[in-house]
Amino acid sequence: MIDHVNIPVRHLARARAFYEPVLDAFGYRFLLQEGPVIGFGDTNWVFGLAETEAEFVPLHLAFSARSKDQVHDFHRAALANGGTCNGAPGPRKLYGPDYYAGYVIDPDGHNIEAVKRG
């Protein structure tokens, strides 16, 4: 349904240093920078960071993982690069019998999740 998304960040270089290794867990890489916005993806821009001085409300964003190992890889990379644990990888029965997720707070306060369903 959604083709791509950009999220607001305070410091583009800091956000890139966090997201580049985190997104690598999903096979996404840095693609290009256009002014104060950078994009990641495999071949097409699917996730971007947009530097802003404007106030913003932190958001919740969940990346779809192909495996439980990928959830763990995401979580480890996020913690190693400035993220704060907001829920260790594990089952989340509240959201469904096969919902397996890990959560972090990124350097800008966004709640970022990796989830494997089924």
N, C-alpha and C. Protein backbone atom coordinates (compact mmCIF):
# COMPACT_ATOMS: atom_id res chain seq x y z
N MET A 1 0.82 -1.18 0.00
CA MET A 1 0.00 0.00 0.00
C MET A 1 0.87 1.25 0.00
N ILE A 2 1.87 1.34 0.84
CA ILE A 2 2.74 2.51 0.89
C ILE A 2 3.99 2.22 0.07
N ASP A 3 4.33 3.12 -0.84
CA ASP A 3 5.49 2.94 -1.70
C ASP A 3 6.78 3.35 -1.01
N HIS A 4 6.74 4.47 -0.29
CA HIS A 4 7.93 4.93 0.44
C HIS A 4 7.49 5.90 1.53
N VAL A 5 8.39 6.12 2.47
CA VAL A 5 8.11 7.03 3.58
C VAL A 5 9.39 7.75 3.97
N ASN A 6 9.26 9.01 4.36
CA ASN A 6 10.36 9.79 4.92
C ASN A 6 9.97 10.17 6.34
N ILE A 7 10.91 10.08 7.26
CA ILE A 7 10.63 10.48 8.64
C ILE A 7 11.49 11.68 9.01
N PRO A 8 10.98 12.53 9.90
CA PRO A 8 11.75 13.71 10.30
C PRO A 8 12.84 13.36 11.30
N VAL A 9 13.98 14.03 11.17
CA VAL A 9 15.11 13.86 12.09
C VAL A 9 15.72 15.22 12.38
N ARG A 10 16.41 15.33 13.50
CA ARG A 10 17.06 16.59 13.89
C ARG A 10 18.43 16.77 13.24
N HIS A 11 19.21 15.69 13.18
CA HIS A 11 20.58 15.74 12.67
C HIS A 11 20.75 14.63 11.63
N LEU A 12 20.85 15.02 10.38
CA LEU A 12 20.90 14.05 9.30
C LEU A 12 22.09 13.10 9.42
N ALA A 13 23.26 13.61 9.73
CA ALA A 13 24.45 12.75 9.83
C ALA A 13 24.29 11.73 10.95
N ARG A 14 23.76 12.16 12.09
CA ARG A 14 23.55 11.23 13.22
C ARG A 14 22.52 10.17 12.85
N ALA A 15 21.45 10.60 12.20
CA ALA A 15 20.40 9.65 11.81
C ALA A 15 20.92 8.65 10.78
N ARG A 16 21.72 9.14 9.83
CA ARG A 16 22.29 8.22 8.84
C ARG A 16 23.20 7.20 9.52
N ALA A 17 24.01 7.64 10.47
CA ALA A 17 24.91 6.73 11.18
C ALA A 17 24.13 5.66 11.93
N PHE A 18 22.94 5.99 12.40
CA PHE A 18 22.08 5.01 13.07
C PHE A 18 21.40 4.09 12.06
N TYR A 19 20.74 4.66 11.07
CA TYR A 19 19.90 3.88 10.17
C TYR A 19 20.66 3.06 9.14
N GLU A 20 21.82 3.50 8.72
CA GLU A 20 22.53 2.75 7.68
C GLU A 20 22.80 1.30 8.11
N PRO A 21 23.38 1.04 9.29
CA PRO A 21 23.57 -0.36 9.69
C PRO A 21 22.27 -1.05 10.09
N VAL A 22 21.31 -0.30 10.62
CA VAL A 22 20.03 -0.90 11.00
C VAL A 22 19.28 -1.39 9.75
N LEU A 23 19.24 -0.56 8.72
CA LEU A 23 18.52 -0.94 7.50
C LEU A 23 19.24 -2.03 6.72
N ASP A 24 20.54 -2.16 6.94
CA ASP A 24 21.29 -3.23 6.30
C ASP A 24 20.73 -4.60 6.70
N ALA A 25 20.16 -4.70 7.89
CA ALA A 25 19.55 -5.95 8.35
C ALA A 25 18.40 -6.37 7.43
N PHE A 26 17.80 -5.42 6.72
CA PHE A 26 16.68 -5.70 5.82
C PHE A 26 17.11 -5.69 4.34
N GLY A 27 18.40 -5.53 4.10
CA GLY A 27 18.89 -5.50 2.74
C GLY A 27 18.77 -4.14 2.08
N TYR A 28 18.50 -3.09 2.87
CA TYR A 28 18.43 -1.74 2.33
C TYR A 28 19.79 -1.07 2.48
N ARG A 29 20.12 -0.23 1.52
CA ARG A 29 21.39 0.49 1.54
C ARG A 29 21.13 1.96 1.22
N PHE A 30 22.08 2.80 1.53
CA PHE A 30 22.01 4.21 1.18
C PHE A 30 21.98 4.32 -0.34
N LEU A 31 21.03 5.10 -0.87
CA LEU A 31 20.93 5.28 -2.32
C LEU A 31 21.37 6.66 -2.77
N LEU A 32 20.85 7.71 -2.11
CA LEU A 32 21.21 9.06 -2.54
C LEU A 32 20.79 10.09 -1.51
N GLN A 33 21.37 11.26 -1.67
CA GLN A 33 21.01 12.40 -0.84
C GLN A 33 20.54 13.51 -1.76
N GLU A 34 19.42 14.12 -1.39
CA GLU A 34 18.88 15.26 -2.11
C GLU A 34 18.64 16.37 -1.10
N GLY A 35 19.60 17.30 -1.00
CA GLY A 35 19.52 18.35 0.01
C GLY A 35 19.54 17.74 1.40
N PRO A 36 18.61 18.14 2.26
CA PRO A 36 18.60 17.63 3.63
C PRO A 36 17.81 16.32 3.79
N VAL A 37 17.68 15.55 2.70
CA VAL A 37 16.94 14.30 2.73
C VAL A 37 17.81 13.20 2.12
N ILE A 38 17.85 12.04 2.78
CA ILE A 38 18.57 10.90 2.21
C ILE A 38 17.63 9.72 2.11
N GLY A 39 17.90 8.87 1.12
CA GLY A 39 17.03 7.74 0.87
C GLY A 39 17.76 6.41 0.89
N PHE A 40 17.05 5.41 1.35
CA PHE A 40 17.55 4.04 1.43
C PHE A 40 16.60 3.11 0.68
N GLY A 41 17.11 1.99 0.22
CA GLY A 41 16.29 0.98 -0.41
C GLY A 41 17.17 -0.11 -0.97
N ASP A 42 16.57 -1.02 -1.73
CA ASP A 42 17.37 -2.04 -2.40
C ASP A 42 17.72 -1.51 -3.80
N THR A 43 16.72 -1.24 -4.61
CA THR A 43 16.95 -0.58 -5.90
C THR A 43 16.20 0.74 -5.99
N ASN A 44 15.11 0.87 -5.26
CA ASN A 44 14.30 2.08 -5.24
C ASN A 44 14.25 2.65 -3.82
N TRP A 45 14.08 3.95 -3.73
CA TRP A 45 13.93 4.66 -2.45
C TRP A 45 12.67 4.14 -1.77
N VAL A 46 12.82 3.55 -0.59
CA VAL A 46 11.66 3.09 0.17
C VAL A 46 11.58 3.73 1.55
N PHE A 47 12.72 4.22 2.04
CA PHE A 47 12.77 4.81 3.37
C PHE A 47 13.72 5.99 3.35
N GLY A 48 13.25 7.12 3.87
CA GLY A 48 14.09 8.31 3.85
C GLY A 48 14.12 9.02 5.19
N LEU A 49 15.15 9.83 5.35
CA LEU A 49 15.35 10.67 6.53
C LEU A 49 15.36 12.12 6.07
N ALA A 50 14.52 12.94 6.68
CA ALA A 50 14.42 14.34 6.29
C ALA A 50 14.76 15.23 7.47
N GLU A 51 15.90 15.93 7.38
CA GLU A 51 16.33 16.81 8.46
C GLU A 51 15.42 18.03 8.54
N THR A 52 15.01 18.37 9.76
CA THR A 52 14.14 19.52 9.95
C THR A 52 14.44 20.18 11.29
N GLU A 53 14.19 21.47 11.35
CA GLU A 53 14.28 22.21 12.61
C GLU A 53 12.90 22.33 13.25
N ALA A 54 11.86 22.00 12.50
CA ALA A 54 10.50 22.09 13.01
C ALA A 54 10.25 21.03 14.08
N GLU A 55 9.38 21.36 15.00
CA GLU A 55 8.98 20.38 16.02
C GLU A 55 8.23 19.24 15.34
N PHE A 56 8.43 18.03 15.83
CA PHE A 56 7.67 16.89 15.31
C PHE A 56 7.36 15.93 16.44
N VAL A 57 6.30 15.19 16.26
CA VAL A 57 5.90 14.17 17.22
C VAL A 57 6.60 12.87 16.81
N PRO A 58 7.29 12.22 17.73
CA PRO A 58 7.90 10.93 17.39
C PRO A 58 6.84 9.95 16.88
N LEU A 59 7.22 9.15 15.92
CA LEU A 59 6.27 8.20 15.34
C LEU A 59 6.67 6.77 15.62
N HIS A 60 5.76 5.87 15.31
CA HIS A 60 6.01 4.44 15.41
C HIS A 60 6.06 3.90 13.99
N LEU A 61 7.12 3.16 13.67
CA LEU A 61 7.30 2.59 12.35
C LEU A 61 7.78 1.16 12.52
N ALA A 62 7.12 0.22 11.82
CA ALA A 62 7.49 -1.19 11.90
C ALA A 62 7.99 -1.68 10.55
N PHE A 63 9.19 -2.26 10.55
CA PHE A 63 9.73 -2.89 9.35
C PHE A 63 9.36 -4.37 9.37
N SER A 64 8.95 -4.88 8.24
CA SER A 64 8.60 -6.28 8.11
C SER A 64 9.87 -7.11 7.97
N ALA A 65 10.01 -8.09 8.85
CA ALA A 65 11.19 -8.96 8.84
C ALA A 65 10.84 -10.29 8.17
N ARG A 66 11.81 -10.89 7.50
CA ARG A 66 11.61 -12.18 6.85
C ARG A 66 11.80 -13.35 7.82
N SER A 67 12.44 -13.09 8.96
CA SER A 67 12.71 -14.17 9.91
C SER A 67 12.89 -13.59 11.31
N LYS A 68 12.85 -14.46 12.30
CA LYS A 68 13.13 -14.05 13.67
C LYS A 68 14.58 -13.60 13.79
N ASP A 69 15.48 -14.27 13.07
CA ASP A 69 16.89 -13.86 13.09
C ASP A 69 17.04 -12.43 12.60
N GLN A 70 16.26 -12.04 11.60
CA GLN A 70 16.34 -10.68 11.08
C GLN A 70 15.85 -9.67 12.13
N VAL A 71 14.86 -10.05 12.93
CA VAL A 71 14.42 -9.19 14.03
C VAL A 71 15.57 -8.99 15.01
N HIS A 72 16.29 -10.06 15.33
CA HIS A 72 17.42 -9.96 16.24
C HIS A 72 18.56 -9.14 15.63
N ASP A 73 18.84 -9.33 14.34
CA ASP A 73 19.88 -8.55 13.67
C ASP A 73 19.56 -7.06 13.71
N PHE A 74 18.31 -6.71 13.43
CA PHE A 74 17.85 -5.32 13.51
C PHE A 74 18.09 -4.77 14.91
N HIS A 75 17.67 -5.50 15.91
CA HIS A 75 17.73 -5.02 17.30
C HIS A 75 19.18 -4.81 17.73
N ARG A 76 20.04 -5.77 17.42
CA ARG A 76 21.47 -5.65 17.76
C ARG A 76 22.10 -4.45 17.07
N ALA A 77 21.82 -4.28 15.78
CA ALA A 77 22.40 -3.16 15.04
C ALA A 77 21.90 -1.83 15.59
N ALA A 78 20.63 -1.76 15.95
CA ALA A 78 20.08 -0.52 16.49
C ALA A 78 20.73 -0.17 17.82
N LEU A 79 20.88 -1.13 18.71
CA LEU A 79 21.49 -0.86 20.01
C LEU A 79 22.96 -0.50 19.87
N ALA A 80 23.65 -1.10 18.92
CA ALA A 80 25.07 -0.83 18.72
C ALA A 80 25.33 0.53 18.08
N ASN A 81 24.27 1.16 17.55
CA ASN A 81 24.45 2.42 16.83
C ASN A 81 23.63 3.57 17.38
N GLY A 82 23.36 3.53 18.68
CA GLY A 82 22.74 4.68 19.34
C GLY A 82 21.27 4.54 19.69
N GLY A 83 20.69 3.39 19.41
CA GLY A 83 19.29 3.16 19.78
C GLY A 83 19.17 2.73 21.23
N THR A 84 17.97 2.88 21.76
CA THR A 84 17.66 2.47 23.13
C THR A 84 16.62 1.36 23.06
N CYS A 85 16.82 0.30 23.81
CA CYS A 85 15.88 -0.81 23.80
C CYS A 85 14.51 -0.34 24.28
N ASN A 86 13.48 -0.71 23.52
CA ASN A 86 12.10 -0.41 23.90
C ASN A 86 11.28 -1.70 23.90
N GLY A 87 11.98 -2.83 23.94
CA GLY A 87 11.35 -4.15 23.95
C GLY A 87 12.22 -5.13 23.22
N ALA A 88 12.83 -6.04 23.97
CA ALA A 88 13.73 -7.04 23.37
C ALA A 88 12.96 -7.93 22.40
N PRO A 89 13.65 -8.49 21.41
CA PRO A 89 12.98 -9.39 20.48
C PRO A 89 12.32 -10.56 21.22
N GLY A 90 11.10 -10.85 20.79
CA GLY A 90 10.36 -11.95 21.38
C GLY A 90 8.93 -11.96 20.89
N PRO A 91 8.18 -12.99 21.30
CA PRO A 91 6.78 -13.08 20.90
C PRO A 91 5.95 -11.98 21.56
N ARG A 92 4.95 -11.52 20.83
CA ARG A 92 4.00 -10.52 21.33
C ARG A 92 2.60 -11.08 21.09
N LYS A 93 2.18 -11.99 21.96
CA LYS A 93 0.90 -12.69 21.80
C LYS A 93 -0.28 -11.73 21.77
N LEU A 94 -0.14 -10.56 22.39
CA LEU A 94 -1.21 -9.57 22.37
C LEU A 94 -1.60 -9.19 20.94
N TYR A 95 -0.62 -9.21 20.03
CA TYR A 95 -0.85 -8.79 18.65
C TYR A 95 -1.14 -9.96 17.71
N GLY A 96 -1.09 -11.16 18.21
CA GLY A 96 -1.37 -12.34 17.40
C GLY A 96 -0.49 -13.50 17.81
N PRO A 97 -0.93 -14.72 17.51
CA PRO A 97 -0.18 -15.90 17.96
C PRO A 97 1.21 -16.05 17.35
N ASP A 98 1.43 -15.45 16.18
CA ASP A 98 2.72 -15.60 15.49
C ASP A 98 3.46 -14.27 15.34
N TYR A 99 3.16 -13.30 16.22
CA TYR A 99 3.76 -11.97 16.14
C TYR A 99 5.06 -11.98 16.94
N TYR A 100 6.18 -11.75 16.27
CA TYR A 100 7.50 -11.76 16.90
C TYR A 100 8.17 -10.45 16.55
N ALA A 101 8.53 -9.66 17.57
CA ALA A 101 9.02 -8.32 17.29
C ALA A 101 10.07 -7.86 18.29
N GLY A 102 10.84 -6.87 17.87
CA GLY A 102 11.78 -6.17 18.73
C GLY A 102 11.63 -4.69 18.48
N TYR A 103 11.81 -3.87 19.53
CA TYR A 103 11.57 -2.44 19.44
C TYR A 103 12.77 -1.65 19.95
N VAL A 104 13.01 -0.51 19.32
CA VAL A 104 14.04 0.42 19.78
C VAL A 104 13.51 1.85 19.65
N ILE A 105 14.10 2.74 20.42
CA ILE A 105 13.87 4.17 20.25
C ILE A 105 15.11 4.70 19.54
N ASP A 106 14.89 5.35 18.38
CA ASP A 106 16.03 5.87 17.62
C ASP A 106 16.53 7.18 18.26
N PRO A 107 17.63 7.73 17.79
CA PRO A 107 18.18 8.95 18.40
C PRO A 107 17.25 10.17 18.37
N ASP A 108 16.20 10.13 17.56
CA ASP A 108 15.25 11.25 17.51
C ASP A 108 13.95 10.95 18.25
N GLY A 109 13.89 9.82 18.95
CA GLY A 109 12.71 9.50 19.74
C GLY A 109 11.65 8.67 19.04
N HIS A 110 11.89 8.28 17.79
CA HIS A 110 10.94 7.44 17.07
C HIS A 110 11.00 6.00 17.59
N ASN A 111 9.83 5.38 17.73
CA ASN A 111 9.72 3.97 18.14
C ASN A 111 9.80 3.12 16.87
N ILE A 112 10.92 2.43 16.70
CA ILE A 112 11.16 1.65 15.50
C ILE A 112 11.10 0.16 15.85
N GLU A 113 10.39 -0.59 15.04
CA GLU A 113 10.12 -2.00 15.31
C GLU A 113 10.52 -2.84 14.11
N ALA A 114 10.94 -4.06 14.37
CA ALA A 114 11.05 -5.08 13.35
C ALA A 114 10.09 -6.19 13.77
N VAL A 115 9.25 -6.65 12.83
CA VAL A 115 8.25 -7.66 13.17
C VAL A 115 8.24 -8.77 12.13
N LYS A 116 8.17 -9.99 12.63
CA LYS A 116 7.99 -11.19 11.81
C LYS A 116 6.63 -11.76 12.17
N ARG A 117 5.76 -11.86 11.18
CA ARG A 117 4.44 -12.45 11.39
C ARG A 117 4.43 -13.83 10.71
N GLY A 118 3.92 -14.80 11.46
CA GLY A 118 3.79 -16.14 10.87
C GLY A 118 5.04 -16.94 10.88
